[in-house]
Amino acid sequence: MKKILVINGPNLNLLGEREPGVYGNNTYEDLCDSLMNKAEELQVKCEVFQSNHEGAIIDKLHSARVSYDGVVLNAGAFTHYSYALRDAISAIKIPVVEVHISNVFARDEFRKNSVIAPVCKGSISGFGFASYLMAMDALVKYYE
């Protein structure tokens, strides 16, 4: 059975409260429930991790290299400037799919730049929580 790690970065723990016009009214717990349901449907194991701290996310990526077959990553604002996160993704040698709830290309100019995209297997944005579900599908298909 494949194992997928979902990592959520800063402020995603505030889903449902933070900018509902951008991120919707569903909570972080709703997201986790959706991910677990999708994992069951795909017959994969899934762990969900969230941190507002860059180092904790990097540590989780490092440990993923020996425990998981792939990572779904919403790095939040770290997407746009964290070269340390980019280097961690590059170092682990398992596929990472970058996801975003909102369409980052339709928002602030700075959000259009992702320093992690070049080292990710792919990127999915703008489909709300479905961005994560599509990423899980993509990882499973990657191994078929």
C-alpha atoms as a PDB file:
ATOM      1  CA  MET A   1       0.000   0.000   0.000  1.00  0.00           C
ATOM      2  CA  LYS A   2       1.335   3.418  -0.966  1.00  0.00           C
ATOM      3  CA  LYS A   3       1.849   6.050   1.712  1.00  0.00           C
ATOM      4  CA  ILE A   4       1.223   9.741   1.089  1.00  0.00           C
ATOM      5  CA  LEU A   5       2.193  12.570   3.395  1.00  0.00           C
ATOM      6  CA  VAL A   6       0.219  15.812   3.185  1.00  0.00           C
ATOM      7  CA  ILE A   7       2.052  18.832   4.576  1.00  0.00           C
ATOM      8  CA  ASN A   8       0.325  22.138   5.231  1.00  0.00           C
ATOM      9  CA  GLY A   9       2.291  25.266   5.969  1.00  0.00           C
ATOM     10  CA  PRO A  10       1.647  28.520   7.780  1.00  0.00           C
ATOM     11  CA  ASN A  11      -1.848  29.754   8.551  1.00  0.00           C
ATOM     12  CA  LEU A  12      -3.625  26.755   7.054  1.00  0.00           C
ATOM     13  CA  ASN A  13      -4.694  25.770  10.557  1.00  0.00           C
ATOM     14  CA  LEU A  14      -6.984  28.835  10.367  1.00  0.00           C
ATOM     15  CA  LEU A  15      -9.011  27.613   7.392  1.00  0.00           C
ATOM     16  CA  GLY A  16     -12.662  28.582   7.802  1.00  0.00           C
ATOM     17  CA  GLU A  17     -11.655  31.731   9.711  1.00  0.00           C
ATOM     18  CA  ARG A  18      -8.928  33.268   7.563  1.00  0.00           C
ATOM     19  CA  GLU A  19     -10.090  35.123   4.453  1.00  0.00           C
ATOM     20  CA  PRO A  20     -13.138  32.974   3.687  1.00  0.00           C
ATOM     21  CA  GLY A  21     -13.596  34.887   0.420  1.00  0.00           C
ATOM     22  CA  VAL A  22     -10.286  33.422  -0.755  1.00  0.00           C
ATOM     23  CA  TYR A  23     -10.056  30.097   1.085  1.00  0.00           C
ATOM     24  CA  GLY A  24     -13.726  29.242   1.687  1.00  0.00           C
ATOM     25  CA  ASN A  25     -15.668  28.466   4.839  1.00  0.00           C
ATOM     26  CA  ASN A  26     -14.522  24.886   5.353  1.00  0.00           C
ATOM     27  CA  THR A  27     -12.218  24.268   8.304  1.00  0.00           C
ATOM     28  CA  TYR A  28      -8.854  22.573   8.565  1.00  0.00           C
ATOM     29  CA  GLU A  29     -10.656  19.604  10.122  1.00  0.00           C
ATOM     30  CA  ASP A  30     -12.909  19.460   7.038  1.00  0.00           C
ATOM     31  CA  LEU A  31      -9.789  19.343   4.870  1.00  0.00           C
ATOM     32  CA  CYS A  32      -8.319  16.508   6.932  1.00  0.00           C
ATOM     33  CA  ASP A  33     -11.591  14.563   6.671  1.00  0.00           C
ATOM     34  CA  SER A  34     -11.584  15.006   2.883  1.00  0.00           C
ATOM     35  CA  LEU A  35      -8.005  13.762   2.680  1.00  0.00           C
ATOM     36  CA  MET A  36      -8.715  10.675   4.779  1.00  0.00           C
ATOM     37  CA  ASN A  37     -11.792   9.856   2.690  1.00  0.00           C
ATOM     38  CA  LYS A  38      -9.748  10.204  -0.504  1.00  0.00           C
ATOM     39  CA  ALA A  39      -7.002   8.001   0.915  1.00  0.00           C
ATOM     40  CA  GLU A  40      -9.550   5.313   1.692  1.00  0.00           C
ATOM     41  CA  GLU A  41     -10.965   5.575  -1.832  1.00  0.00           C
ATOM     42  CA  LEU A  42      -7.470   5.286  -3.336  1.00  0.00           C
ATOM     43  CA  GLN A  43      -6.486   2.520  -0.912  1.00  0.00           C
ATOM     44  CA  VAL A  44      -3.440   4.418   0.315  1.00  0.00           C
ATOM     45  CA  LYS A  45      -2.244   5.378   3.759  1.00  0.00           C
ATOM     46  CA  CYS A  46      -2.204   9.089   4.457  1.00  0.00           C
ATOM     47  CA  GLU A  47      -0.786  11.276   7.192  1.00  0.00           C
ATOM     48  CA  VAL A  48      -1.572  14.973   7.461  1.00  0.00           C
ATOM     49  CA  PHE A  49       0.854  17.409   9.084  1.00  0.00           C
ATOM     50  CA  GLN A  50       0.580  21.165   9.626  1.00  0.00           C
ATOM     51  CA  SER A  51       3.098  23.618  10.961  1.00  0.00           C
ATOM     52  CA  ASN A  52       3.582  27.360  10.981  1.00  0.00           C
ATOM     53  CA  HIS A  53       7.346  26.797  11.331  1.00  0.00           C
ATOM     54  CA  GLU A  54       9.638  26.386   8.348  1.00  0.00           C
ATOM     55  CA  GLY A  55      12.118  24.157  10.186  1.00  0.00           C
ATOM     56  CA  ALA A  56       9.408  21.735  11.290  1.00  0.00           C
ATOM     57  CA  ILE A  57       8.237  21.398   7.679  1.00  0.00           C
ATOM     58  CA  ILE A  58      11.794  20.782   6.503  1.00  0.00           C
ATOM     59  CA  ASP A  59      12.297  18.150   9.212  1.00  0.00           C
ATOM     60  CA  LYS A  60       9.056  16.445   8.137  1.00  0.00           C
ATOM     61  CA  LEU A  61      10.177  16.418   4.501  1.00  0.00           C
ATOM     62  CA  HIS A  62      13.513  14.890   5.497  1.00  0.00           C
ATOM     63  CA  SER A  63      11.816  12.100   7.429  1.00  0.00           C
ATOM     64  CA  ALA A  64       9.359  11.510   4.560  1.00  0.00           C
ATOM     65  CA  ARG A  65      12.151  10.319   2.274  1.00  0.00           C
ATOM     66  CA  VAL A  66      12.281   6.945   4.050  1.00  0.00           C
ATOM     67  CA  SER A  67       8.657   6.579   5.135  1.00  0.00           C
ATOM     68  CA  TYR A  68       6.459   7.813   2.270  1.00  0.00           C
ATOM     69  CA  ASP A  69       6.025   7.293  -1.450  1.00  0.00           C
ATOM     70  CA  GLY A  70       5.067  10.902  -2.124  1.00  0.00           C
ATOM     71  CA  VAL A  71       4.169  14.253  -0.606  1.00  0.00           C
ATOM     72  CA  VAL A  72       1.352  16.716  -1.222  1.00  0.00           C
ATOM     73  CA  LEU A  73       2.616  20.108  -0.083  1.00  0.00           C
ATOM     74  CA  ASN A  74       0.804  23.369   0.491  1.00  0.00           C
ATOM     75  CA  ALA A  75       3.727  25.465   1.658  1.00  0.00           C
ATOM     76  CA  GLY A  76       1.633  28.607   2.041  1.00  0.00           C
ATOM     77  CA  ALA A  77       3.731  31.763   1.926  1.00  0.00           C
ATOM     78  CA  PHE A  78       6.954  29.710   2.106  1.00  0.00           C
ATOM     79  CA  THR A  79       6.213  28.839  -1.538  1.00  0.00           C
ATOM     80  CA  HIS A  80       7.351  32.264  -2.636  1.00  0.00           C
ATOM     81  CA  TYR A  81      10.673  32.686  -0.849  1.00  0.00           C
ATOM     82  CA  SER A  82      11.914  29.617   1.026  1.00  0.00           C
ATOM     83  CA  TYR A  83      15.030  28.343  -0.678  1.00  0.00           C
ATOM     84  CA  ALA A  84      15.606  26.119   2.357  1.00  0.00           C
ATOM     85  CA  LEU A  85      12.289  24.392   1.638  1.00  0.00           C
ATOM     86  CA  ARG A  86      13.210  24.150  -2.042  1.00  0.00           C
ATOM     87  CA  ASP A  87      16.500  22.486  -1.146  1.00  0.00           C
ATOM     88  CA  ALA A  88      14.741  20.031   1.178  1.00  0.00           C
ATOM     89  CA  ILE A  89      12.323  19.000  -1.570  1.00  0.00           C
ATOM     90  CA  SER A  90      15.181  18.555  -3.992  1.00  0.00           C
ATOM     91  CA  ALA A  91      17.125  16.445  -1.501  1.00  0.00           C
ATOM     92  CA  ILE A  92      14.461  13.873  -0.645  1.00  0.00           C
ATOM     93  CA  LYS A  93      14.099  12.228  -4.087  1.00  0.00           C
ATOM     94  CA  ILE A  94      10.421  11.296  -3.729  1.00  0.00           C
ATOM     95  CA  PRO A  95       7.733  13.082  -5.748  1.00  0.00           C
ATOM     96  CA  VAL A  96       6.263  16.220  -4.222  1.00  0.00           C
ATOM     97  CA  VAL A  97       3.156  17.864  -5.648  1.00  0.00           C
ATOM     98  CA  GLU A  98       2.715  21.553  -4.828  1.00  0.00           C
ATOM     99  CA  VAL A  99      -0.890  22.538  -4.098  1.00  0.00           C
ATOM    100  CA  HIS A 100      -2.743  25.744  -3.368  1.00  0.00           C
ATOM    101  CA  ILE A 101      -6.384  26.215  -2.460  1.00  0.00           C
ATOM    102  CA  SER A 102      -6.683  29.512  -4.325  1.00  0.00           C
ATOM    103  CA  ASN A 103      -5.569  30.351  -7.842  1.00  0.00           C
ATOM    104  CA  VAL A 104      -2.270  31.998  -6.949  1.00  0.00           C
ATOM    105  CA  PHE A 105      -1.966  33.405 -10.473  1.00  0.00           C
ATOM    106  CA  ALA A 106      -5.138  35.458 -10.002  1.00  0.00           C
ATOM    107  CA  ARG A 107      -3.956  37.067  -6.782  1.00  0.00           C
ATOM    108  CA  ASP A 108      -1.117  39.347  -5.632  1.00  0.00           C
ATOM    109  CA  GLU A 109       1.850  39.617  -7.975  1.00  0.00           C
ATOM    110  CA  PHE A 110       4.264  38.036  -5.461  1.00  0.00           C
ATOM    111  CA  ARG A 111       2.099  34.900  -5.251  1.00  0.00           C
ATOM    112  CA  LYS A 112       2.733  34.130  -8.928  1.00  0.00           C
ATOM    113  CA  ASN A 113       6.320  33.130  -8.147  1.00  0.00           C
ATOM    114  CA  SER A 114       7.048  29.729  -6.657  1.00  0.00           C
ATOM    115  CA  VAL A 115      10.622  28.914  -5.744  1.00  0.00           C
ATOM    116  CA  ILE A 116       9.595  25.317  -5.004  1.00  0.00           C
ATOM    117  CA  ALA A 117       7.803  24.568  -8.309  1.00  0.00           C
ATOM    118  CA  PRO A 118      10.996  23.712 -10.240  1.00  0.00           C
ATOM    119  CA  VAL A 119      11.795  20.862  -7.829  1.00  0.00           C
ATOM    120  CA  CYS A 120       8.226  19.556  -7.494  1.00  0.00           C
ATOM    121  CA  LYS A 121       6.740  16.854  -9.722  1.00  0.00           C
ATOM    122  CA  GLY A 122       3.841  19.210 -10.503  1.00  0.00           C
ATOM    123  CA  SER A 123       1.623  21.982  -9.207  1.00  0.00           C
ATOM    124  CA  ILE A 124      -2.146  22.239  -8.776  1.00  0.00           C
ATOM    125  CA  SER A 125      -3.921  25.415  -7.681  1.00  0.00           C
ATOM    126  CA  GLY A 126      -7.260  27.125  -7.687  1.00  0.00           C
ATOM    127  CA  PHE A 127      -9.620  24.227  -7.046  1.00  0.00           C
ATOM    128  CA  GLY A 128     -10.135  24.631  -3.311  1.00  0.00           C
ATOM    129  CA  PHE A 129      -9.744  21.421  -1.341  1.00  0.00           C
ATOM    130  CA  ALA A 130     -10.038  19.505  -4.617  1.00  0.00           C
ATOM    131  CA  SER A 131      -6.486  20.660  -5.429  1.00  0.00           C
ATOM    132  CA  TYR A 132      -5.291  18.266  -2.717  1.00  0.00           C
ATOM    133  CA  LEU A 133      -7.474  15.417  -3.960  1.00  0.00           C
ATOM    134  CA  MET A 134      -6.185  15.850  -7.508  1.00  0.00           C
ATOM    135  CA  ALA A 135      -2.637  15.775  -6.177  1.00  0.00           C
ATOM    136  CA  MET A 136      -3.325  12.509  -4.364  1.00  0.00           C
ATOM    137  CA  ASP A 137      -4.749  11.053  -7.590  1.00  0.00           C
ATOM    138  CA  ALA A 138      -1.662  12.223  -9.462  1.00  0.00           C
ATOM    139  CA  LEU A 139       0.725  10.578  -6.998  1.00  0.00           C
ATOM    140  CA  VAL A 140      -1.135   7.271  -7.176  1.00  0.00           C
ATOM    141  CA  LYS A 141      -1.139   7.390 -10.993  1.00  0.00           C
ATOM    142  CA  TYR A 142       2.577   8.277 -10.972  1.00  0.00           C
ATOM    143  CA  TYR A 143       3.286   4.848  -9.469  1.00  0.00           C
ATOM    144  CA  GLU A 144       0.963   2.855 -11.778  1.00  0.00           C
END
